[in-house]
C-alpha atoms as a PDB file:
ATOM      1  CA  MET A   1     -40.333  33.658 -62.653  1.00  0.00           C
ATOM      2  CA  PRO A   2     -36.820  33.741 -64.143  1.00  0.00           C
ATOM      3  CA  SER A   3     -36.351  36.202 -67.040  1.00  0.00           C
ATOM      4  CA  GLU A   4     -35.085  35.066 -70.425  1.00  0.00           C
ATOM      5  CA  GLN A   5     -31.645  36.510 -69.535  1.00  0.00           C
ATOM      6  CA  ASP A   6     -31.738  34.498 -66.280  1.00  0.00           C
ATOM      7  CA  GLN A   7     -32.365  31.351 -68.203  1.00  0.00           C
ATOM      8  CA  ILE A   8     -29.600  31.991 -70.725  1.00  0.00           C
ATOM      9  CA  GLU A   9     -27.147  32.718 -67.895  1.00  0.00           C
ATOM     10  CA  ALA A  10     -28.252  29.623 -65.974  1.00  0.00           C
ATOM     11  CA  SER A  11     -27.869  27.250 -68.992  1.00  0.00           C
ATOM     12  CA  ILE A  12     -24.384  28.640 -69.968  1.00  0.00           C
ATOM     13  CA  ILE A  13     -23.111  28.253 -66.371  1.00  0.00           C
ATOM     14  CA  ALA A  14     -24.648  24.768 -66.157  1.00  0.00           C
ATOM     15  CA  ALA A  15     -22.802  23.854 -69.440  1.00  0.00           C
ATOM     16  CA  VAL A  16     -19.552  25.142 -67.962  1.00  0.00           C
ATOM     17  CA  LEU A  17     -20.059  23.224 -64.701  1.00  0.00           C
ATOM     18  CA  ALA A  18     -20.792  20.025 -66.743  1.00  0.00           C
ATOM     19  CA  GLY A  19     -17.625  20.470 -68.833  1.00  0.00           C
ATOM     20  CA  ARG A  20     -19.557  20.972 -72.083  1.00  0.00           C
ATOM     21  CA  PHE A  21     -17.903  24.326 -72.709  1.00  0.00           C
ATOM     22  CA  ARG A  22     -14.144  24.430 -72.795  1.00  0.00           C
ATOM     23  CA  PRO A  23     -12.033  27.539 -71.997  1.00  0.00           C
ATOM     24  CA  GLY A  24     -11.886  29.774 -75.047  1.00  0.00           C
ATOM     25  CA  THR A  25     -15.152  28.527 -76.632  1.00  0.00           C
ATOM     26  CA  ARG A  26     -16.566  31.282 -78.775  1.00  0.00           C
ATOM     27  CA  LEU A  27     -20.215  32.252 -78.148  1.00  0.00           C
ATOM     28  CA  GLY A  28     -21.802  33.822 -81.188  1.00  0.00           C
ATOM     29  CA  GLU A  29     -24.676  36.152 -80.403  1.00  0.00           C
ATOM     30  CA  SER A  30     -26.673  35.270 -83.478  1.00  0.00           C
ATOM     31  CA  VAL A  31     -26.581  31.546 -82.974  1.00  0.00           C
ATOM     32  CA  LEU A  32     -27.424  31.873 -79.298  1.00  0.00           C
ATOM     33  CA  ALA A  33     -30.382  34.138 -80.202  1.00  0.00           C
ATOM     34  CA  GLY A  34     -31.481  31.502 -82.719  1.00  0.00           C
ATOM     35  CA  LEU A  35     -31.146  28.643 -80.281  1.00  0.00           C
ATOM     36  CA  TYR A  36     -33.083  30.421 -77.509  1.00  0.00           C
ATOM     37  CA  GLY A  37     -35.620  32.100 -79.830  1.00  0.00           C
ATOM     38  CA  VAL A  38     -34.811  35.556 -78.432  1.00  0.00           C
ATOM     39  CA  SER A  39     -33.252  38.758 -79.745  1.00  0.00           C
ATOM     40  CA  ARG A  40     -29.485  39.382 -79.930  1.00  0.00           C
ATOM     41  CA  THR A  41     -30.038  42.261 -77.475  1.00  0.00           C
ATOM     42  CA  LEU A  42     -31.283  39.812 -74.751  1.00  0.00           C
ATOM     43  CA  VAL A  43     -28.362  37.478 -75.490  1.00  0.00           C
ATOM     44  CA  ARG A  44     -25.913  40.356 -75.256  1.00  0.00           C
ATOM     45  CA  GLU A  45     -27.411  41.417 -71.943  1.00  0.00           C
ATOM     46  CA  ALA A  46     -27.053  37.887 -70.565  1.00  0.00           C
ATOM     47  CA  LEU A  47     -23.385  37.665 -71.767  1.00  0.00           C
ATOM     48  CA  MET A  48     -22.675  41.017 -70.215  1.00  0.00           C
ATOM     49  CA  ARG A  49     -23.981  39.744 -66.862  1.00  0.00           C
ATOM     50  CA  LEU A  50     -21.890  36.533 -67.243  1.00  0.00           C
ATOM     51  CA  GLN A  51     -18.902  38.809 -67.865  1.00  0.00           C
ATOM     52  CA  THR A  52     -19.374  40.519 -64.456  1.00  0.00           C
ATOM     53  CA  ARG A  53     -19.549  37.000 -62.921  1.00  0.00           C
ATOM     54  CA  GLY A  54     -16.196  36.047 -64.460  1.00  0.00           C
ATOM     55  CA  ILE A  55     -17.476  33.371 -66.790  1.00  0.00           C
ATOM     56  CA  VAL A  56     -17.145  34.973 -70.191  1.00  0.00           C
ATOM     57  CA  GLN A  57     -15.000  37.717 -71.656  1.00  0.00           C
ATOM     58  CA  VAL A  58     -15.393  39.861 -74.741  1.00  0.00           C
ATOM     59  CA  SER A  59     -13.036  40.995 -77.508  1.00  0.00           C
ATOM     60  CA  ALA A  60     -13.937  44.070 -79.410  1.00  0.00           C
ATOM     61  CA  ARG A  61     -13.262  42.428 -82.761  1.00  0.00           C
ATOM     62  CA  ARG A  62     -13.769  38.751 -82.113  1.00  0.00           C
ATOM     63  CA  GLY A  63     -16.832  38.570 -79.894  1.00  0.00           C
ATOM     64  CA  TRP A  64     -17.611  36.620 -76.706  1.00  0.00           C
ATOM     65  CA  PHE A  65     -15.588  33.735 -75.287  1.00  0.00           C
ATOM     66  CA  ILE A  66     -15.645  31.431 -72.283  1.00  0.00           C
ATOM     67  CA  VAL A  67     -12.781  32.711 -70.053  1.00  0.00           C
ATOM     68  CA  GLU A  68      -9.317  31.089 -70.051  1.00  0.00           C
ATOM     69  CA  PRO A  69      -8.098  31.644 -66.457  1.00  0.00           C
ATOM     70  CA  SER A  70      -4.385  32.266 -65.995  1.00  0.00           C
ATOM     71  CA  ALA A  71      -2.306  30.383 -63.385  1.00  0.00           C
ATOM     72  CA  GLY A  72      -2.563  33.428 -61.075  1.00  0.00           C
ATOM     73  CA  GLU A  73      -6.362  33.456 -61.472  1.00  0.00           C
ATOM     74  CA  ALA A  74      -6.459  29.751 -60.789  1.00  0.00           C
ATOM     75  CA  HIS A  75      -4.667  30.183 -57.405  1.00  0.00           C
ATOM     76  CA  ALA A  76      -6.926  33.163 -56.493  1.00  0.00           C
ATOM     77  CA  ALA A  77     -10.080  31.166 -57.340  1.00  0.00           C
ATOM     78  CA  TYR A  78      -9.089  28.282 -55.110  1.00  0.00           C
ATOM     79  CA  GLU A  79      -8.066  30.640 -52.306  1.00  0.00           C
ATOM     80  CA  ALA A  80     -11.486  32.326 -52.572  1.00  0.00           C
ATOM     81  CA  ARG A  81     -13.264  28.972 -52.496  1.00  0.00           C
ATOM     82  CA  LYS A  82     -11.279  27.878 -49.466  1.00  0.00           C
ATOM     83  CA  VAL A  83     -12.229  30.980 -47.531  1.00  0.00           C
ATOM     84  CA  ILE A  84     -15.932  30.676 -48.438  1.00  0.00           C
ATOM     85  CA  GLU A  85     -16.303  26.944 -48.030  1.00  0.00           C
ATOM     86  CA  THR A  86     -14.387  26.591 -44.788  1.00  0.00           C
ATOM     87  CA  GLY A  87     -16.490  29.473 -43.416  1.00  0.00           C
ATOM     88  CA  LEU A  88     -19.624  27.697 -44.524  1.00  0.00           C
ATOM     89  CA  MET A  89     -18.580  24.535 -42.707  1.00  0.00           C
ATOM     90  CA  LEU A  90     -18.141  26.542 -39.485  1.00  0.00           C
ATOM     91  CA  SER A  91     -21.327  28.453 -39.870  1.00  0.00           C
ATOM     92  CA  ILE A  92     -23.713  25.911 -41.305  1.00  0.00           C
ATOM     93  CA  GLY A  93     -25.159  24.805 -37.906  1.00  0.00           C
ATOM     94  CA  GLN A  94     -27.571  21.912 -37.918  1.00  0.00           C
ATOM     95  CA  ILE A  95     -28.158  20.330 -41.319  1.00  0.00           C
ATOM     96  CA  PRO A  96     -31.632  18.730 -41.693  1.00  0.00           C
ATOM     97  CA  PRO A  97     -31.428  14.876 -41.932  1.00  0.00           C
ATOM     98  CA  GLU A  98     -33.107  14.950 -45.346  1.00  0.00           C
ATOM     99  CA  THR A  99     -30.419  17.286 -46.670  1.00  0.00           C
ATOM    100  CA  LEU A 100     -27.625  15.044 -45.389  1.00  0.00           C
ATOM    101  CA  LYS A 101     -29.434  12.090 -47.009  1.00  0.00           C
ATOM    102  CA  HIS A 102     -29.617  13.979 -50.318  1.00  0.00           C
ATOM    103  CA  LEU A 103     -25.910  14.848 -50.129  1.00  0.00           C
ATOM    104  CA  ARG A 104     -24.971  11.221 -49.337  1.00  0.00           C
ATOM    105  CA  GLU A 105     -26.977  10.119 -52.369  1.00  0.00           C
ATOM    106  CA  HIS A 106     -25.134  12.682 -54.400  1.00  0.00           C
ATOM    107  CA  VAL A 107     -21.756  11.301 -53.378  1.00  0.00           C
ATOM    108  CA  GLU A 108     -23.009   7.788 -54.309  1.00  0.00           C
ATOM    109  CA  ALA A 109     -24.019   9.131 -57.692  1.00  0.00           C
ATOM    110  CA  GLU A 110     -20.459  10.602 -58.076  1.00  0.00           C
ATOM    111  CA  HIS A 111     -19.002   7.194 -57.392  1.00  0.00           C
ATOM    112  CA  SER A 112     -21.269   5.612 -59.983  1.00  0.00           C
ATOM    113  CA  ALA A 113     -20.382   8.246 -62.605  1.00  0.00           C
ATOM    114  CA  ILE A 114     -16.627   7.794 -61.960  1.00  0.00           C
ATOM    115  CA  GLN A 115     -16.943   4.066 -62.723  1.00  0.00           C
ATOM    116  CA  GLY A 116     -18.772   4.905 -65.989  1.00  0.00           C
ATOM    117  CA  PRO A 117     -17.640   6.412 -69.292  1.00  0.00           C
ATOM    118  CA  ASP A 118     -19.570   9.680 -69.016  1.00  0.00           C
ATOM    119  CA  VAL A 119     -16.909  12.252 -68.123  1.00  0.00           C
ATOM    120  CA  THR A 120     -19.442  15.131 -68.442  1.00  0.00           C
ATOM    121  CA  SER A 121     -21.719  13.600 -65.779  1.00  0.00           C
ATOM    122  CA  ARG A 122     -18.714  13.070 -63.477  1.00  0.00           C
ATOM    123  CA  VAL A 123     -17.431  16.635 -63.722  1.00  0.00           C
ATOM    124  CA  CYS A 124     -20.946  18.028 -63.223  1.00  0.00           C
ATOM    125  CA  LEU A 125     -21.604  15.875 -60.130  1.00  0.00           C
ATOM    126  CA  LEU A 126     -18.228  16.711 -58.504  1.00  0.00           C
ATOM    127  CA  GLY A 127     -18.824  20.474 -58.871  1.00  0.00           C
ATOM    128  CA  ASP A 128     -22.476  20.322 -57.826  1.00  0.00           C
ATOM    129  CA  PHE A 129     -21.573  18.774 -54.441  1.00  0.00           C
ATOM    130  CA  HIS A 130     -20.055  22.098 -53.403  1.00  0.00           C
ATOM    131  CA  VAL A 131     -23.023  24.116 -54.695  1.00  0.00           C
ATOM    132  CA  HIS A 132     -25.438  21.862 -52.868  1.00  0.00           C
ATOM    133  CA  LEU A 133     -23.513  22.384 -49.630  1.00  0.00           C
ATOM    134  CA  ALA A 134     -23.884  26.146 -50.107  1.00  0.00           C
ATOM    135  CA  GLU A 135     -27.601  25.703 -50.715  1.00  0.00           C
ATOM    136  CA  ALA A 136     -27.865  23.862 -47.429  1.00  0.00           C
ATOM    137  CA  PHE A 137     -26.647  26.997 -45.734  1.00  0.00           C
ATOM    138  CA  GLY A 138     -29.729  28.805 -47.061  1.00  0.00           C
ATOM    139  CA  ASN A 139     -27.989  31.975 -48.306  1.00  0.00           C
ATOM    140  CA  PRO A 140     -28.714  32.560 -52.000  1.00  0.00           C
ATOM    141  CA  VAL A 141     -26.004  35.223 -52.305  1.00  0.00           C
ATOM    142  CA  LEU A 142     -23.307  32.745 -51.061  1.00  0.00           C
ATOM    143  CA  THR A 143     -24.704  30.044 -53.295  1.00  0.00           C
ATOM    144  CA  GLU A 144     -24.399  32.247 -56.389  1.00  0.00           C
ATOM    145  CA  ILE A 145     -20.920  33.280 -55.491  1.00  0.00           C
ATOM    146  CA  LEU A 146     -19.818  29.678 -54.913  1.00  0.00           C
ATOM    147  CA  GLN A 147     -21.533  28.593 -58.200  1.00  0.00           C
ATOM    148  CA  ASN A 148     -19.533  31.204 -60.093  1.00  0.00           C
ATOM    149  CA  LEU A 149     -16.301  30.168 -58.411  1.00  0.00           C
ATOM    150  CA  THR A 150     -17.020  26.471 -59.010  1.00  0.00           C
ATOM    151  CA  ALA A 151     -17.629  27.255 -62.709  1.00  0.00           C
ATOM    152  CA  ARG A 152     -14.304  29.055 -62.911  1.00  0.00           C
ATOM    153  CA  THR A 153     -12.372  26.204 -61.212  1.00  0.00           C
ATOM    154  CA  THR A 154     -14.049  23.704 -63.595  1.00  0.00           C
ATOM    155  CA  LEU A 155     -12.498  25.752 -66.470  1.00  0.00           C
ATOM    156  CA  ILE A 156      -9.213  25.834 -64.603  1.00  0.00           C
ATOM    157  CA  SER A 157      -9.229  22.034 -64.285  1.00  0.00           C
ATOM    158  CA  MET A 158      -9.712  21.706 -68.007  1.00  0.00           C
ATOM    159  CA  LEU A 159      -6.583  23.852 -68.601  1.00  0.00           C
ATOM    160  CA  TYR A 160      -4.279  22.684 -65.866  1.00  0.00           C
ATOM    161  CA  GLN A 161      -5.345  19.339 -64.406  1.00  0.00           C
ATOM    162  CA  SER A 162      -2.512  16.902 -65.111  1.00  0.00           C
ATOM    163  CA  SER A 163      -4.290  13.716 -63.899  1.00  0.00           C
ATOM    164  CA  ASP A 164      -7.695  12.403 -63.149  1.00  0.00           C
ATOM    165  CA  ALA A 165      -8.233  12.890 -59.468  1.00  0.00           C
ATOM    166  CA  ALA A 166     -12.027  12.444 -59.614  1.00  0.00           C
ATOM    167  CA  GLU A 167     -12.186   9.379 -57.352  1.00  0.00           C
ATOM    168  CA  GLU A 168     -10.011  10.990 -54.711  1.00  0.00           C
ATOM    169  CA  SER A 169     -12.227  14.110 -54.799  1.00  0.00           C
ATOM    170  CA  SER A 170     -15.363  12.078 -54.387  1.00  0.00           C
ATOM    171  CA  ASP A 171     -13.825  10.136 -51.429  1.00  0.00           C
ATOM    172  CA  ASP A 172     -13.021  13.528 -49.825  1.00  0.00           C
ATOM    173  CA  HIS A 173     -16.653  14.609 -50.231  1.00  0.00           C
ATOM    174  CA  GLY A 174     -17.745  11.465 -48.342  1.00  0.00           C
ATOM    175  CA  ILE A 175     -15.308  12.129 -45.475  1.00  0.00           C
ATOM    176  CA  ILE A 176     -16.492  15.713 -45.206  1.00  0.00           C
ATOM    177  CA  LEU A 177     -20.071  14.458 -45.009  1.00  0.00           C
ATOM    178  CA  ASP A 178     -19.013  12.053 -42.243  1.00  0.00           C
ATOM    179  CA  ALA A 179     -17.755  14.954 -40.185  1.00  0.00           C
ATOM    180  CA  LEU A 180     -20.944  16.965 -40.806  1.00  0.00           C
ATOM    181  CA  GLU A 181     -23.164  14.023 -39.845  1.00  0.00           C
ATOM    182  CA  ALA A 182     -21.181  13.739 -36.603  1.00  0.00           C
ATOM    183  CA  GLY A 183     -21.656  17.420 -35.886  1.00  0.00           C
ATOM    184  CA  ASP A 184     -17.920  18.099 -35.905  1.00  0.00           C
ATOM    185  CA  LEU A 185     -17.918  21.412 -37.809  1.00  0.00           C
ATOM    186  CA  PRO A 186     -14.227  22.296 -37.113  1.00  0.00           C
ATOM    187  CA  LEU A 187     -13.177  18.920 -38.551  1.00  0.00           C
ATOM    188  CA  ALA A 188     -15.454  19.454 -41.577  1.00  0.00           C
ATOM    189  CA  ALA A 189     -13.852  22.850 -42.208  1.00  0.00           C
ATOM    190  CA  LYS A 190     -10.357  21.353 -41.892  1.00  0.00           C
ATOM    191  CA  LEU A 191     -11.219  18.550 -44.258  1.00  0.00           C
ATOM    192  CA  MET A 192     -12.698  21.019 -46.805  1.00  0.00           C
ATOM    193  CA  ALA A 193      -9.540  23.159 -46.715  1.00  0.00           C
ATOM    194  CA  GLU A 194      -7.386  20.086 -47.176  1.00  0.00           C
ATOM    195  CA  HIS A 195      -9.620  18.872 -50.044  1.00  0.00           C
ATOM    196  CA  LEU A 196      -9.330  22.138 -51.905  1.00  0.00           C
ATOM    197  CA  ASP A 197      -5.613  22.319 -51.370  1.00  0.00           C
ATOM    198  CA  ARG A 198      -5.286  18.766 -52.739  1.00  0.00           C
ATOM    199  CA  VAL A 199      -7.275  19.623 -55.817  1.00  0.00           C
ATOM    200  CA  GLU A 200      -5.189  22.784 -56.450  1.00  0.00           C
ATOM    201  CA  ALA A 201      -1.919  20.814 -55.849  1.00  0.00           C
ATOM    202  CA  GLY A 202      -2.987  18.357 -58.582  1.00  0.00           C
ATOM    203  CA  LEU A 203      -2.992  21.149 -61.203  1.00  0.00           C
ATOM    204  CA  ASP A 204      -0.010  21.617 -63.410  1.00  0.00           C
ATOM    205  CA  LEU A 205       0.069  25.440 -63.601  1.00  0.00           C
ATOM    206  CA  THR A 206       2.912  25.351 -66.037  1.00  0.00           C
ATOM    207  CA  ALA A 207       0.690  23.572 -68.606  1.00  0.00           C
ATOM    208  CA  ARG A 208      -0.807  26.042 -70.949  1.00  0.00           C
ATOM    209  CA  THR A 209      -2.254  25.631 -74.435  1.00  0.00           C
ATOM    210  CA  ASP A 210      -0.136  27.459 -77.045  1.00  0.00           C
ATOM    211  CA  PRO A 211      -2.662  29.601 -78.972  1.00  0.00           C
ATOM    212  CA  LEU A 212      -0.270  29.659 -81.966  1.00  0.00           C
ATOM    213  CA  ALA A 213       0.365  25.843 -81.937  1.00  0.00           C
ATOM    214  CA  ASP A 214      -1.763  25.074 -84.984  1.00  0.00           C
ATOM    215  CA  LEU A 215      -0.333  27.959 -87.021  1.00  0.00           C
ATOM    216  CA  ARG A 216       3.223  27.201 -85.829  1.00  0.00           C
ATOM    217  CA  ASP A 217       2.916  23.556 -86.942  1.00  0.00           C
ATOM    218  CA  ILE A 218       1.720  24.630 -90.408  1.00  0.00           C
ATOM    219  CA  LEU A 219       4.290  27.350 -91.025  1.00  0.00           C
ATOM    220  CA  VAL A 220       7.321  25.868 -89.205  1.00  0.00           C
ATOM    221  CA  PRO A 221       6.753  22.103 -88.813  1.00  0.00           C
ATOM    222  CA  GLY A 222       8.485  20.431 -85.919  1.00  0.00           C
ATOM    223  CA  THR A 223       8.905  23.617 -83.840  1.00  0.00           C
ATOM    224  CA  SER A 224       5.923  23.025 -81.552  1.00  0.00           C
ATOM    225  CA  ASP A 225       5.154  20.039 -79.363  1.00  0.00           C
ATOM    226  CA  ALA A 226       1.893  21.608 -78.176  1.00  0.00           C
ATOM    227  CA  LYS A 227      -1.283  19.718 -79.044  1.00  0.00           C
ATOM    228  CA  PRO A 228      -3.881  21.512 -81.147  1.00  0.00           C
ATOM    229  CA  SER A 229      -6.295  23.538 -79.072  1.00  0.00           C
ATOM    230  CA  SER A 230      -9.425  21.650 -78.124  1.00  0.00           C
ATOM    231  CA  ALA A 231     -11.438  24.826 -77.733  1.00  0.00           C
ATOM    232  CA  LYS A 232     -14.662  24.717 -79.568  1.00  0.00           C
ATOM    233  CA  THR A 233     -16.477  27.530 -81.420  1.00  0.00           C
ATOM    234  CA  VAL A 234     -20.180  28.256 -81.275  1.00  0.00           C
ATOM    235  CA  PRO A 235     -20.602  29.902 -84.724  1.00  0.00           C
ATOM    236  CA  ASP A 236     -22.063  33.344 -85.051  1.00  0.00           C
ATOM    237  CA  GLU A 237     -24.739  32.488 -87.576  1.00  0.00           C
ATOM    238  CA  PRO A 238     -27.346  29.694 -86.905  1.00  0.00           C
ATOM    239  CA  GLY A 239     -28.649  27.331 -89.525  1.00  0.00           C
ATOM    240  CA  PRO A 240     -32.268  27.547 -90.665  1.00  0.00           C
ATOM    241  CA  ASP A 241     -33.540  24.966 -88.144  1.00  0.00           C
ATOM    242  CA  HIS A 242     -31.739  26.267 -85.076  1.00  0.00           C
ATOM    243  CA  ARG A 243     -34.490  28.513 -83.655  1.00  0.00           C
ATOM    244  CA  LYS A 244     -36.115  26.944 -80.628  1.00  0.00           C
ATOM    245  CA  PRO A 245     -38.234  28.361 -77.782  1.00  0.00           C
ATOM    246  CA  ILE A 246     -36.182  29.082 -74.691  1.00  0.00           C
ATOM    247  CA  ASN A 247     -38.154  26.668 -72.585  1.00  0.00           C
ATOM    248  CA  GLN A 248     -37.016  23.774 -74.837  1.00  0.00           C
ATOM    249  CA  ILE A 249     -33.353  24.375 -74.372  1.00  0.00           C
ATOM    250  CA  LYS A 250     -31.839  21.913 -71.915  1.00  0.00           C
END
């Protein structure tokens, strides 16, 4: 049975994958403890584990934050994904028909989400496709590594993605599945590498939120064209009705 720390970790990573946490979001220990109905010590332990997985970072004076990957870290993350996911394509062997059917249904759900207004659902589904492929390989260590990398690249997309390439990504997923269903693993690996290269190429790695934009606009109007930061804050102190058992947190 997953521990309370496991459940906190899983829910934060799921929120990142679904696009509900933006880079730089502050995670207050007190409010998380209240939301999950656990001690701050348990929350801190979960956040420390997320730090080792590259999802959060800590500032000695300011607390815990969702990471804001740099341009260099963005390139490194996609390179790592390409190595792992092309390797998976070449090593996956025979995928059970029911797994292929599930993945095909997943791609159809992606297409439906892209046509609708729910951006969160779309982001979550597009990232989950890669995690489900790793799960089909049956190696939980690789699945966890890829889940971490996918969460990081979701944050990277929020910072650097210059246009909405969701439909193209979903089409790529369908073509990769075609190759897997045909048993052509080298082609599937080639298509996966091209897909990840295409996603990375669509990022504008020169685009970076100016952390001083808001203050600059107040003190020296007209000197900054940067938009105000969209990063959210999870406050450090919960309200009186925020405590909820961990098994009720979705």
